[in-house]
Amino acid sequence: MKTEQDNGQLKRTMKTRHLIMLSLGGVIGTGLFFNTGYIISTTGAAGTLLAYLIGALVVWLVMQCLGELSVAMPETGAFHVYAARYLGPATGYTVAWLYWLTWTVALGSSFTAAGFCMQYWFPQVPVWIWCVVFCAVIFALNVISTRFFAEGEFWFSLVKVITIIAFIILGGAAIFGFIPMQDGSPAPGLANLTAEGWFPHGGLPILMTMVAVNFAFSGTELIGIAAGETQNPHKVIPVAIRTTIARLIIFFIGTVFVLAALIPMQQAGVEKSPFVLVFEKVGIPYAADIFNFVILTAILSAANSGLYASGRMLWSLSNEKTLPRCFARVNKNGVPLTAISVSMLGGVLALFSSVIAPDTVFVALSAISGFAVVAVWISICASHFMFRRRHLQAGKPLADIQYRAPWYPLVPVLGFVLCLVACIGLAFDPTQRIALYCGLPFVALCYGAYYLTQTPKTQEPEHVAE
């Protein structure tokens, strides 16, 4: 099978710093800045911390599996290529469309969240107007060139990383009284963590919100998507995976601890970012405005990454000859313009927020996107399990695999099981159940479409890194 290098279509213009920041940029966005409020209101403070710790474990497991696969086979649209090779072509086709759905729907939730941010300053302007404006901006960033996109994403993400660090430091100072509260009330300390009890609604809400937590972590797998446009992927990808996971655990757990300690469970939600809620409470002039602006740029950064990912997935499907060739065409800058344009349709979902209650739309869109990404993670774990198994069955030495996930087969099996449990948890949450109502028929439709539209092909030979 030809790779992007062979056919000269997509260009390897991304460096290590681009890849690390692209992954961080995809993750530190709508899920962390808005979904965390929903999770706190559902599970309580201690439950939220536990849910994010489990989410961090799941991400680590999935990324170990993806690391081994993407170093052995660095390809744009990686997940569906691996699934097609090791789980069957129909599964690969379905995985590609699921990942496209993940980011296309996430565009809708991102633009809705960006509209919430703008309403903080302009409460009279409807959310949908801001959605239209941001659709145009993000589309322009993506169609100029991959290098321009990657450079823009690097600086977007750098702002987010600095912001998260500042938030953890300032929030921690407010928790213990080093910075006064706006209303003169005493520092909350750790009282809010257990004010309603350790798990006020029991353990079930933790299961119910696992997909929301995984949605917040989604984006780490962008390392696999971008592998085909990365210089020296064998060296760059392992570094990107290690640094990304370490930073995510520090950023997410530190951030969630500060949010849970400063926001009482009853005040949390999604219509206003919990970050802004925190700084409305803290006595620092204009802090809430500054953080609202930073959160806005962060959400647009995540949308930027999302449009990149969904466009590349359509390009990859077309490159594998499972979609019309028009999706594989690139402009003179190496950008798949048709694929990006079609993927932008997800942004239109955000326009419904002007008709339906925005908070309801936001949670529903996040849940659908979360279901799709968790289904993709399941396929990554299963693909890795089969890849290593076939490698060993062929009598090849492990030394041939340049990056190896530890503790095989425990890592892929545990990752698979935890992701499956998260999907089951959706059935217990009425506000997120729509993800199953939409997601399961979508999976069935993809399998049906594959068998109706694809002629039988000979299985492509397995290959690993030499």
Protein backbone atom coordinates (compact mmCIF):
# COMPACT_ATOMS: atom_id res chain seq x y z
CA MET A 1 0.00 0.00 0.00
CA LYS A 2 1.26 3.41 -0.84
CA THR A 3 1.89 5.91 1.89
CA GLU A 4 1.64 9.69 1.74
CA GLN A 5 5.37 9.85 1.02
CA ASP A 6 4.97 7.63 -2.02
CA ASN A 7 2.04 9.38 -3.66
CA GLY A 8 3.29 12.88 -2.92
CA GLN A 9 -0.02 14.22 -1.66
CA LEU A 10 0.21 15.18 2.01
CA LYS A 11 3.49 16.72 3.12
CA ARG A 12 5.66 15.79 6.12
CA THR A 13 6.01 19.31 7.50
CA MET A 14 5.28 18.76 11.22
CA LYS A 15 8.06 18.76 13.81
CA THR A 16 8.15 17.35 17.35
CA ARG A 17 6.91 20.57 18.95
CA HIS A 18 4.02 20.75 16.47
CA LEU A 19 2.96 17.17 17.19
CA ILE A 20 3.07 17.59 20.99
CA MET A 21 1.16 20.86 20.89
CA LEU A 22 -1.35 19.51 18.35
CA SER A 23 -2.21 16.70 20.73
CA LEU A 24 -2.38 19.00 23.76
CA GLY A 25 -4.40 21.48 21.70
CA GLY A 26 -6.95 18.84 20.80
CA VAL A 27 -7.32 17.79 24.43
CA ILE A 28 -7.25 21.05 26.40
CA GLY A 29 -10.47 22.47 25.06
CA THR A 30 -14.24 22.23 25.33
CA GLY A 31 -14.28 19.07 27.43
CA LEU A 32 -12.01 20.36 30.17
CA PHE A 33 -13.25 23.96 30.16
CA PHE A 34 -17.01 23.21 30.09
CA ASN A 35 -17.74 19.49 30.63
CA THR A 36 -15.96 19.51 33.99
CA GLY A 37 -18.76 21.70 35.36
CA TYR A 38 -21.34 19.13 34.25
CA ILE A 39 -19.33 16.29 35.80
CA ILE A 40 -18.95 18.11 39.15
CA SER A 41 -22.71 18.81 39.25
CA THR A 42 -23.44 15.12 38.55
CA THR A 43 -20.87 13.21 40.61
CA GLY A 44 -19.68 15.69 43.25
CA ALA A 45 -16.10 16.83 43.82
CA ALA A 46 -14.52 13.57 44.97
CA GLY A 47 -16.41 11.63 42.28
CA THR A 48 -15.09 14.01 39.61
CA LEU A 49 -11.50 13.50 40.75
CA LEU A 50 -11.95 9.72 40.72
CA ALA A 51 -13.59 9.83 37.26
CA TYR A 52 -10.68 11.85 35.84
CA LEU A 53 -8.12 9.51 37.41
CA ILE A 54 -9.83 6.55 35.72
CA GLY A 55 -9.95 8.60 32.49
CA ALA A 56 -6.21 9.27 32.74
CA LEU A 57 -5.57 5.52 33.11
CA VAL A 58 -7.71 4.79 30.04
CA VAL A 59 -5.82 7.40 27.99
CA TRP A 60 -2.47 5.94 29.06
CA LEU A 61 -3.57 2.42 28.06
CA VAL A 62 -4.92 3.53 24.66
CA MET A 63 -1.88 5.67 23.88
CA GLN A 64 0.52 2.82 24.64
CA CYS A 65 -1.37 0.70 22.10
CA LEU A 66 -1.44 3.54 19.56
CA GLY A 67 2.25 4.27 20.08
CA GLU A 68 3.28 0.77 19.10
CA LEU A 69 1.02 0.80 16.02
CA SER A 70 1.87 4.29 14.78
CA VAL A 71 5.65 3.85 15.09
CA ALA A 72 5.43 0.57 13.18
CA MET A 73 3.07 2.05 10.56
CA PRO A 74 3.04 5.88 10.49
CA GLU A 75 0.07 6.75 8.29
CA THR A 76 -2.40 9.61 8.02
CA GLY A 77 -5.81 8.33 9.13
CA ALA A 78 -3.99 5.71 11.17
CA PHE A 79 -6.80 4.17 13.21
CA HIS A 80 -8.97 2.98 10.38
CA VAL A 81 -5.95 1.64 8.46
CA TYR A 82 -4.96 -0.46 11.48
CA ALA A 83 -8.55 -1.59 12.09
CA ALA A 84 -8.98 -2.57 8.43
CA ARG A 85 -5.74 -4.58 8.49
CA TYR A 86 -6.23 -6.36 11.81
CA LEU A 87 -10.01 -6.33 12.48
CA GLY A 88 -11.42 -6.42 8.95
CA PRO A 89 -12.05 -3.86 6.19
CA ALA A 90 -15.67 -3.17 7.23
CA THR A 91 -14.52 -2.35 10.78
CA GLY A 92 -11.80 -0.08 9.40
CA TYR A 93 -14.36 1.76 7.29
CA THR A 94 -16.67 2.15 10.31
CA VAL A 95 -13.84 3.35 12.57
CA ALA A 96 -12.92 6.04 10.03
CA TRP A 97 -16.48 7.34 9.93
CA LEU A 98 -16.76 7.17 13.74
CA TYR A 99 -13.64 9.30 14.12
CA TRP A 100 -14.91 11.70 11.50
CA LEU A 101 -18.16 11.89 13.53
CA THR A 102 -16.16 12.48 16.74
CA TRP A 103 -14.55 15.66 15.49
CA THR A 104 -17.30 16.88 13.21
CA VAL A 105 -19.81 16.78 16.08
CA ALA A 106 -17.15 18.19 18.41
CA LEU A 107 -16.97 21.22 16.11
CA GLY A 108 -20.61 21.84 16.93
CA SER A 109 -20.03 21.63 20.69
CA SER A 110 -16.87 23.77 20.40
CA PHE A 111 -18.62 26.57 18.51
CA THR A 112 -21.54 26.41 20.96
CA ALA A 113 -19.10 26.73 23.87
CA ALA A 114 -17.34 29.63 22.10
CA GLY A 115 -20.74 31.30 21.80
CA PHE A 116 -21.22 30.88 25.57
CA CYS A 117 -17.88 32.64 26.08
CA MET A 118 -18.90 35.57 23.90
CA GLN A 119 -22.24 35.90 25.69
CA TYR A 120 -20.28 36.64 28.86
CA TRP A 121 -19.46 40.01 27.26
CA PHE A 122 -22.32 40.35 24.77
CA PRO A 123 -25.38 38.76 26.43
CA GLN A 124 -27.79 40.19 23.83
CA VAL A 125 -26.10 38.57 20.81
CA PRO A 126 -27.45 35.05 20.01
CA VAL A 127 -25.05 32.13 20.22
CA TRP A 128 -25.58 31.15 16.56
CA ILE A 129 -24.14 34.44 15.26
CA TRP A 130 -20.85 33.74 17.02
CA CYS A 131 -20.96 30.19 15.62
CA VAL A 132 -21.03 31.56 12.05
CA VAL A 133 -18.10 33.92 12.75
CA PHE A 134 -15.94 31.20 14.30
CA CYS A 135 -16.80 28.70 11.52
CA ALA A 136 -15.29 31.14 9.02
CA VAL A 137 -12.14 31.76 11.10
CA ILE A 138 -11.35 28.08 11.72
CA PHE A 139 -12.03 27.14 8.10
CA ALA A 140 -9.59 29.82 6.91
CA LEU A 141 -6.84 28.59 9.28
CA ASN A 142 -7.15 25.05 7.93
CA VAL A 143 -7.20 25.74 4.20
CA ILE A 144 -4.05 27.87 3.91
CA SER A 145 -1.46 25.12 4.52
CA THR A 146 -0.60 22.32 6.93
CA ARG A 147 2.51 24.16 8.14
CA PHE A 148 0.47 27.33 8.78
CA PHE A 149 -2.13 25.25 10.62
CA ALA A 150 0.52 23.49 12.73
CA GLU A 151 2.31 26.73 13.60
CA GLY A 152 -0.97 28.40 14.55
CA GLU A 153 -1.92 25.42 16.68
CA PHE A 154 1.47 25.48 18.41
CA TRP A 155 0.91 29.05 19.64
CA PHE A 156 -2.77 28.46 20.43
CA SER A 157 -1.77 25.48 22.58
CA LEU A 158 1.12 27.29 24.24
CA VAL A 159 -1.34 29.92 25.51
CA LYS A 160 -3.54 27.14 26.89
CA VAL A 161 -0.69 25.38 28.67
CA ILE A 162 0.47 28.64 30.32
CA THR A 163 -3.14 29.37 31.29
CA ILE A 164 -3.65 25.96 32.91
CA ILE A 165 -0.44 26.35 34.93
CA ALA A 166 -1.48 29.86 36.05
CA PHE A 167 -4.96 28.58 36.95
CA ILE A 168 -3.58 25.77 39.11
CA ILE A 169 -1.22 28.16 40.94
CA LEU A 170 -3.76 31.00 41.46
CA GLY A 171 -6.62 28.61 42.26
CA GLY A 172 -4.47 26.75 44.76
CA ALA A 173 -3.58 30.06 46.41
CA ALA A 174 -7.30 30.94 46.66
CA ILE A 175 -8.17 27.54 48.16
CA PHE A 176 -5.78 28.07 51.07
CA GLY A 177 -6.39 31.79 51.58
CA PHE A 178 -3.28 33.33 49.99
CA ILE A 179 -5.59 35.20 47.59
CA PRO A 180 -8.80 36.64 49.10
CA MET A 181 -12.29 35.73 47.89
CA GLN A 182 -14.26 38.45 46.10
CA ASP A 183 -17.09 38.55 48.68
CA GLY A 184 -14.75 38.53 51.66
CA SER A 185 -15.75 35.00 52.68
CA PRO A 186 -13.07 32.77 54.23
CA ALA A 187 -10.95 30.50 52.04
CA PRO A 188 -12.86 27.28 51.32
CA GLY A 189 -9.88 25.00 51.91
CA LEU A 190 -10.86 21.43 51.09
CA ALA A 191 -14.40 21.73 52.51
CA ASN A 192 -16.17 21.60 49.12
CA LEU A 193 -14.53 18.28 48.28
CA THR A 194 -16.64 16.48 50.87
CA ALA A 195 -19.38 19.05 51.64
CA GLU A 196 -22.05 16.80 50.09
CA GLY A 197 -20.34 13.59 51.15
CA TRP A 198 -17.67 11.68 49.24
CA PHE A 199 -20.11 10.39 46.62
CA PRO A 200 -23.40 12.27 47.12
CA HIS A 201 -25.33 10.25 44.52
CA GLY A 202 -23.45 6.97 44.94
CA GLY A 203 -21.07 5.36 42.47
CA LEU A 204 -23.39 5.17 39.44
CA PRO A 205 -22.87 8.84 38.35
CA ILE A 206 -19.13 8.14 38.02
CA LEU A 207 -19.94 5.38 35.53
CA MET A 208 -22.49 7.65 33.81
CA THR A 209 -19.96 10.45 33.28
CA MET A 210 -17.03 8.33 32.07
CA VAL A 211 -17.79 9.11 28.42
CA ALA A 212 -17.89 12.83 29.28
CA VAL A 213 -14.47 12.40 30.94
CA ASN A 214 -13.15 10.50 27.93
CA PHE A 215 -14.52 13.26 25.68
CA ALA A 216 -12.47 15.72 27.73
CA PHE A 217 -9.37 13.56 27.12
CA SER A 218 -10.13 13.03 23.41
CA GLY A 219 -7.49 14.53 21.17
CA THR A 220 -4.49 12.65 22.53
CA GLU A 221 -4.95 10.20 19.66
CA LEU A 222 -4.29 13.03 17.16
CA ILE A 223 -0.65 11.95 17.41
CA GLY A 224 -1.62 8.87 15.39
CA ILE A 225 -3.57 10.92 12.83
CA ALA A 226 -0.66 13.33 12.25
CA ALA A 227 1.99 10.60 12.04
CA GLY A 228 1.79 10.60 8.25
CA GLU A 229 2.65 14.32 8.11
CA THR A 230 5.45 14.22 10.69
CA GLN A 231 9.19 14.30 10.09
CA ASN A 232 11.05 11.26 11.52
CA PRO A 233 7.92 9.62 13.02
CA HIS A 234 9.93 6.77 14.57
CA LYS A 235 11.73 9.25 16.82
CA VAL A 236 9.06 11.90 17.23
CA ILE A 237 5.98 9.81 18.08
CA PRO A 238 7.34 8.09 21.25
CA VAL A 239 8.55 11.46 22.61
CA ALA A 240 5.19 13.09 21.83
CA ILE A 241 3.26 10.28 23.53
CA ARG A 242 5.36 10.32 26.71
CA THR A 243 5.32 14.10 27.14
CA THR A 244 1.65 14.46 26.23
CA ILE A 245 0.44 11.87 28.73
CA ALA A 246 2.60 13.25 31.55
CA ARG A 247 1.39 16.81 30.97
CA LEU A 248 -2.22 15.74 30.62
CA ILE A 249 -2.27 13.94 33.94
CA ILE A 250 -0.66 16.92 35.71
CA PHE A 251 -2.87 19.49 33.97
CA PHE A 252 -6.16 17.62 34.21
CA ILE A 253 -5.89 16.26 37.74
CA GLY A 254 -4.45 19.54 39.05
CA THR A 255 -7.13 21.59 37.30
CA VAL A 256 -10.02 19.35 38.37
CA PHE A 257 -8.78 19.42 41.99
CA VAL A 258 -8.81 23.24 42.00
CA LEU A 259 -12.25 23.42 40.33
CA ALA A 260 -13.77 20.85 42.69
CA ALA A 261 -12.35 22.61 45.74
CA LEU A 262 -13.57 26.09 44.75
CA ILE A 263 -17.00 25.39 43.16
CA PRO A 264 -19.82 23.95 45.31
CA MET A 265 -21.56 21.07 43.55
CA GLN A 266 -24.88 22.98 43.23
CA GLN A 267 -23.27 25.89 41.34
CA ALA A 268 -21.56 23.83 38.63
CA GLY A 269 -22.97 23.46 35.09
CA VAL A 270 -22.10 24.06 31.44
CA GLU A 271 -23.68 27.42 30.57
CA LYS A 272 -20.72 29.23 32.09
CA SER A 273 -17.23 27.76 32.20
CA PRO A 274 -16.32 26.60 35.73
CA PHE A 275 -13.00 28.43 35.20
CA VAL A 276 -14.85 31.73 34.88
CA LEU A 277 -16.99 30.84 37.91
CA VAL A 278 -13.81 30.37 39.94
CA PHE A 279 -12.36 33.74 39.02
CA GLU A 280 -15.63 35.53 39.63
CA LYS A 281 -15.23 34.29 43.21
CA VAL A 282 -11.55 35.19 43.55
CA GLY A 283 -10.62 38.78 44.31
CA ILE A 284 -8.33 39.43 41.32
CA PRO A 285 -9.46 42.38 39.13
CA TYR A 286 -10.55 41.36 35.59
CA ALA A 287 -9.39 37.79 36.18
CA ALA A 288 -12.72 36.36 34.99
CA ASP A 289 -12.57 38.43 31.78
CA ILE A 290 -8.98 37.40 31.07
CA PHE A 291 -9.72 33.73 31.63
CA ASN A 292 -12.89 33.91 29.54
CA PHE A 293 -10.79 35.24 26.65
CA VAL A 294 -8.15 32.55 27.09
CA ILE A 295 -10.84 29.85 27.26
CA LEU A 296 -12.30 31.23 24.03
CA THR A 297 -8.95 30.87 22.26
CA ALA A 298 -8.56 27.40 23.78
CA ILE A 299 -11.91 26.23 22.46
CA LEU A 300 -11.16 27.63 19.00
CA SER A 301 -7.82 25.82 19.14
CA ALA A 302 -9.62 22.53 19.85
CA ALA A 303 -11.97 23.24 16.94
CA ASN A 304 -8.92 23.95 14.78
CA SER A 305 -7.47 20.52 15.68
CA GLY A 306 -10.86 18.89 15.17
CA LEU A 307 -11.36 20.19 11.66
CA TYR A 308 -7.83 19.05 10.80
CA ALA A 309 -8.54 15.53 12.12
CA SER A 310 -11.93 15.07 10.45
CA GLY A 311 -10.66 16.40 7.12
CA ARG A 312 -7.66 14.03 7.18
CA MET A 313 -9.92 11.09 7.96
CA LEU A 314 -12.04 11.74 4.85
CA TRP A 315 -8.83 12.19 2.83
CA SER A 316 -7.56 8.85 4.12
CA LEU A 317 -10.83 7.05 3.32
CA SER A 318 -10.65 8.40 -0.22
CA ASN A 319 -6.95 7.51 -0.46
CA GLU A 320 -7.90 3.93 0.47
CA LYS A 321 -10.51 4.06 -2.36
CA THR A 322 -13.52 3.71 -0.05
CA LEU A 323 -14.77 7.24 -0.84
CA PRO A 324 -14.88 9.12 -4.17
CA ARG A 325 -11.48 10.40 -5.35
CA CYS A 326 -12.54 14.04 -4.97
CA PHE A 327 -11.95 13.77 -1.20
CA ALA A 328 -8.31 12.82 -1.77
CA ARG A 329 -7.54 15.84 -3.96
CA VAL A 330 -5.27 18.43 -2.38
CA ASN A 331 -4.58 22.03 -3.35
CA LYS A 332 -1.15 23.44 -4.18
CA ASN A 333 -0.40 23.76 -0.44
CA GLY A 334 -1.09 20.08 0.20
CA VAL A 335 -4.45 20.73 1.92
CA PRO A 336 -7.43 18.37 1.21
CA LEU A 337 -9.90 21.20 0.55
CA THR A 338 -12.96 19.11 -0.33
CA ALA A 339 -12.53 16.87 2.73
CA ILE A 340 -12.18 19.88 5.03
CA SER A 341 -15.20 21.62 3.50
CA VAL A 342 -17.46 18.60 4.03
CA SER A 343 -16.15 18.11 7.58
CA MET A 344 -17.07 21.70 8.37
CA LEU A 345 -20.72 20.67 8.15
CA GLY A 346 -20.40 19.66 11.80
CA GLY A 347 -20.11 23.32 12.68
CA VAL A 348 -23.65 23.77 11.36
CA LEU A 349 -24.85 21.63 14.29
CA ALA A 350 -23.88 24.52 16.55
CA LEU A 351 -26.48 26.72 14.83
CA PHE A 352 -29.26 24.66 16.40
CA SER A 353 -28.22 26.13 19.74
CA SER A 354 -30.20 29.28 18.85
CA VAL A 355 -33.39 27.21 18.57
CA ILE A 356 -32.96 24.57 21.28
CA ALA A 357 -31.68 25.21 24.82
CA PRO A 358 -27.90 25.62 24.37
CA ASP A 359 -26.95 23.68 27.50
CA THR A 360 -29.04 20.69 26.36
CA VAL A 361 -27.52 20.79 22.86
CA PHE A 362 -24.03 21.06 24.32
CA VAL A 363 -24.31 18.00 26.58
CA ALA A 364 -25.93 15.97 23.77
CA LEU A 365 -23.26 16.90 21.20
CA SER A 366 -20.49 16.18 23.70
CA ALA A 367 -21.99 12.77 24.50
CA ILE A 368 -22.28 11.78 20.80
CA SER A 369 -18.71 12.89 20.17
CA GLY A 370 -17.55 11.10 23.32
CA PHE A 371 -19.26 7.85 22.31
CA ALA A 372 -17.61 7.97 18.88
CA VAL A 373 -14.11 8.59 20.24
CA VAL A 374 -14.44 5.84 22.87
CA ALA A 375 -15.53 3.44 20.10
CA VAL A 376 -12.39 4.42 18.17
CA TRP A 377 -10.27 3.83 21.29
CA ILE A 378 -11.81 0.34 21.55
CA SER A 379 -10.68 -0.33 17.98
CA ILE A 380 -7.13 0.91 18.75
CA CYS A 381 -6.83 -1.52 21.69
CA ALA A 382 -8.23 -4.40 19.63
CA SER A 383 -5.98 -3.59 16.65
CA HIS A 384 -2.91 -3.52 18.88
CA PHE A 385 -3.86 -6.85 20.46
CA MET A 386 -4.13 -8.47 17.01
CA PHE A 387 -1.01 -6.73 15.65
CA ARG A 388 1.24 -8.05 18.44
CA ARG A 389 -0.42 -11.48 18.35
CA ARG A 390 0.18 -11.87 14.59
CA HIS A 391 3.72 -10.58 14.97
CA LEU A 392 4.48 -13.26 17.56
CA GLN A 393 2.63 -15.99 15.65
CA ALA A 394 4.80 -15.22 12.62
CA GLY A 395 7.85 -16.04 14.76
CA LYS A 396 9.27 -12.51 14.49
CA PRO A 397 11.39 -11.19 17.39
CA LEU A 398 9.99 -8.44 19.63
CA ALA A 399 13.15 -6.42 18.90
CA ASP A 400 11.68 -5.71 15.44
CA ILE A 401 9.04 -3.51 17.12
CA GLN A 402 10.76 -0.18 17.79
CA TYR A 403 8.18 1.09 20.31
CA ARG A 404 6.53 -1.58 22.45
CA ALA A 405 3.55 -1.18 24.77
CA PRO A 406 4.36 -2.74 28.16
CA TRP A 407 2.61 -5.70 29.81
CA TYR A 408 1.02 -7.21 26.73
CA PRO A 409 -1.75 -8.45 26.64
CA LEU A 410 -2.94 -6.69 29.84
CA VAL A 411 -2.69 -3.15 28.40
CA PRO A 412 -4.88 -3.63 25.30
CA VAL A 413 -7.38 -5.90 27.11
CA LEU A 414 -7.83 -3.53 30.08
CA GLY A 415 -8.10 -0.52 27.76
CA PHE A 416 -10.77 -2.34 25.71
CA VAL A 417 -12.80 -3.29 28.81
CA LEU A 418 -12.70 0.17 30.43
CA CYS A 419 -13.78 1.86 27.18
CA LEU A 420 -16.64 -0.62 26.79
CA VAL A 421 -17.79 0.03 30.38
CA ALA A 422 -17.79 3.79 29.68
CA CYS A 423 -20.13 3.27 26.71
CA ILE A 424 -22.48 1.14 28.83
CA GLY A 425 -22.56 3.98 31.40
CA LEU A 426 -24.30 6.22 28.85
CA ALA A 427 -27.45 4.12 29.14
CA PHE A 428 -27.90 5.24 32.76
CA ASP A 429 -27.79 9.02 32.08
CA PRO A 430 -30.94 10.49 30.44
CA THR A 431 -29.07 13.62 29.28
CA GLN A 432 -26.39 11.56 27.48
CA ARG A 433 -28.45 8.56 26.36
CA ILE A 434 -28.96 10.24 22.99
CA ALA A 435 -25.36 9.23 22.21
CA LEU A 436 -26.43 5.57 22.14
CA TYR A 437 -29.59 6.37 20.17
CA CYS A 438 -27.46 8.12 17.54
CA GLY A 439 -24.18 6.21 17.85
CA LEU A 440 -25.34 2.58 17.61
CA PRO A 441 -27.51 3.14 14.48
CA PHE A 442 -24.60 5.12 12.98
CA VAL A 443 -22.28 2.12 13.50
CA ALA A 444 -24.88 -0.20 11.92
CA LEU A 445 -25.32 2.24 9.01
CA CYS A 446 -21.55 2.32 8.40
CA TYR A 447 -21.28 -1.47 8.30
CA GLY A 448 -24.31 -1.64 6.01
CA ALA A 449 -22.93 1.07 3.72
CA TYR A 450 -19.61 -0.72 3.46
CA TYR A 451 -21.13 -4.03 2.39
CA LEU A 452 -23.47 -2.29 -0.07
CA THR A 453 -20.87 -0.04 -1.70
CA GLN A 454 -17.56 -1.92 -1.54
CA THR A 455 -16.61 -4.69 -3.89
CA PRO A 456 -14.63 -7.55 -2.29
CA LYS A 457 -10.92 -6.82 -2.26
CA THR A 458 -7.96 -8.99 -1.56
CA GLN A 459 -6.62 -8.48 1.94
CA GLU A 460 -3.57 -6.29 1.99
CA PRO A 461 -0.49 -7.97 3.39
CA GLU A 462 0.43 -7.13 6.96
CA HIS A 463 3.62 -5.24 7.41
CA VAL A 464 5.57 -3.98 10.37
CA ALA A 465 8.51 -1.70 10.72
CA GLU A 466 11.70 -3.24 9.53
